[in-house]
Protein backbone atom coordinates (compact mmCIF):
# COMPACT_ATOMS: atom_id res chain seq x y z
CA UNK A 1 12.45 -77.92 173.97
CA UNK A 2 15.93 -79.38 173.66
CA UNK A 3 17.28 -82.43 175.47
CA UNK A 4 19.71 -80.23 177.36
CA UNK A 5 17.00 -77.82 178.51
CA UNK A 6 14.75 -80.66 179.63
CA UNK A 7 17.53 -82.38 181.53
CA UNK A 8 18.51 -79.14 183.27
CA UNK A 9 14.87 -78.51 184.19
CA UNK A 10 14.45 -81.99 185.67
CA UNK A 11 17.72 -81.72 187.59
CA UNK A 12 16.66 -78.33 188.95
CA UNK A 13 13.32 -79.76 190.10
CA UNK A 14 15.13 -82.59 191.89
CA UNK A 15 17.52 -80.14 193.55
CA UNK A 16 14.54 -78.11 194.82
CA UNK A 17 13.22 -81.32 196.38
CA UNK A 18 16.63 -82.11 197.92
CA UNK A 19 17.07 -85.21 195.75
CA UNK A 20 20.72 -85.05 194.72
CA UNK A 21 21.79 -88.72 194.64
CA UNK A 22 23.46 -90.07 191.50
CA UNK A 23 20.63 -92.61 191.21
CA UNK A 24 18.23 -89.79 190.37
CA UNK A 25 20.55 -88.34 187.73
CA UNK A 26 20.72 -91.77 186.10
CA UNK A 27 16.92 -91.89 185.96
CA UNK A 28 16.90 -88.46 184.34
CA UNK A 29 19.35 -89.72 181.70
CA UNK A 30 16.95 -92.63 181.04
CA UNK A 31 14.04 -90.21 180.75
CA UNK A 32 15.93 -88.03 178.24
CA UNK A 33 16.77 -91.14 176.19
CA UNK A 34 13.11 -92.17 176.10
CA UNK A 35 12.13 -88.61 175.20
CA UNK A 36 14.39 -88.68 172.12
CA UNK A 37 13.10 -92.16 171.24
CA UNK A 38 9.52 -90.85 171.51
CA UNK A 39 10.32 -88.08 169.02
CA UNK A 40 11.67 -90.66 166.54
CA UNK A 41 8.61 -92.88 166.94
CA UNK A 42 6.29 -89.93 166.32
CA UNK A 43 8.26 -89.01 163.20
CA UNK A 44 7.98 -92.60 161.94
CA UNK A 45 4.22 -92.63 162.51
CA UNK A 46 3.88 -89.33 160.65
CA UNK A 47 5.94 -90.67 157.76
CA UNK A 48 4.38 -94.16 157.44
CA UNK A 49 1.00 -93.72 159.11
CA UNK A 50 -0.73 -96.21 161.38
CA UNK A 51 -0.44 -98.90 158.72
CA UNK A 52 1.93 -99.23 155.78
CA UNK A 53 2.46 -101.43 152.77
CA UNK A 54 5.48 -103.68 152.48
CA UNK A 55 6.54 -106.69 150.45
CA UNK A 56 6.64 -110.01 152.31
CA UNK A 57 9.07 -112.87 151.75
CA UNK A 58 6.95 -114.26 148.90
CA UNK A 59 7.10 -110.97 147.00
CA UNK A 60 3.47 -110.11 147.75
CA UNK A 61 2.51 -106.60 148.84
CA UNK A 62 0.85 -106.69 152.27
CA UNK A 63 -0.37 -104.09 154.71
CA UNK A 64 1.17 -104.14 158.19
CA UNK A 65 0.49 -102.27 161.39
CA UNK A 66 3.19 -99.74 162.19
CA UNK A 67 4.99 -101.10 165.27
CA UNK A 68 5.95 -97.55 166.21
CA UNK A 69 2.38 -97.00 167.45
CA UNK A 70 2.66 -99.73 170.09
CA UNK A 71 6.23 -98.73 170.90
CA UNK A 72 5.12 -95.12 171.39
CA UNK A 73 2.56 -96.23 173.95
CA UNK A 74 5.15 -98.31 175.81
CA UNK A 75 7.72 -95.50 175.69
CA UNK A 76 5.23 -92.95 177.01
CA UNK A 77 4.22 -95.30 179.84
CA UNK A 78 7.87 -95.79 180.76
CA UNK A 79 8.47 -92.03 180.75
CA UNK A 80 5.49 -91.48 183.07
CA UNK A 81 6.80 -94.22 185.38
CA UNK A 82 10.20 -92.54 185.57
CA UNK A 83 8.58 -89.19 186.43
CA UNK A 84 6.51 -90.91 189.12
CA UNK A 85 9.65 -92.56 190.55
CA UNK A 86 11.31 -89.14 190.64
CA UNK A 87 8.18 -87.63 192.23
CA UNK A 88 8.01 -85.09 189.42
CA UNK A 89 4.31 -85.27 188.51
CA UNK A 90 3.93 -81.57 189.30
CA UNK A 91 6.52 -78.82 188.83
CA UNK A 92 8.22 -77.57 191.97
CA UNK A 93 7.87 -73.80 192.41
CA UNK A 94 11.07 -71.82 192.63
CA UNK A 95 11.76 -70.48 196.12
CA UNK A 96 10.67 -66.88 196.48
CA UNK A 97 13.36 -64.28 196.74
CA UNK A 98 13.18 -61.76 199.57
CA UNK A 99 13.31 -59.09 196.85
CA UNK A 100 10.19 -60.37 195.03
CA UNK A 101 7.62 -57.65 194.62
CA UNK A 102 10.06 -54.79 195.15
CA UNK A 103 11.32 -52.49 192.44
């Protein structure tokens, strides 16, 4: 799914709920930002793993926890909070057309 497709889907769901204020669009923009950040964090975890080796200030190789793991958890929690604020926990069904079911 692309950022554009996700944003359009979220906006459509808000429109079906009658939530058209600019405040809601701003929250959607925040959600899309966090979504792209989440993708980057996942890529970093795949590349480095849960822990990685680095050289400290004394020139000694040490193993460190990948901060992307904790940041991924925080980002996901924030995304879920935004969806809750937008009341988008469940998809809104499209209104049925009067022509549905007819050939």
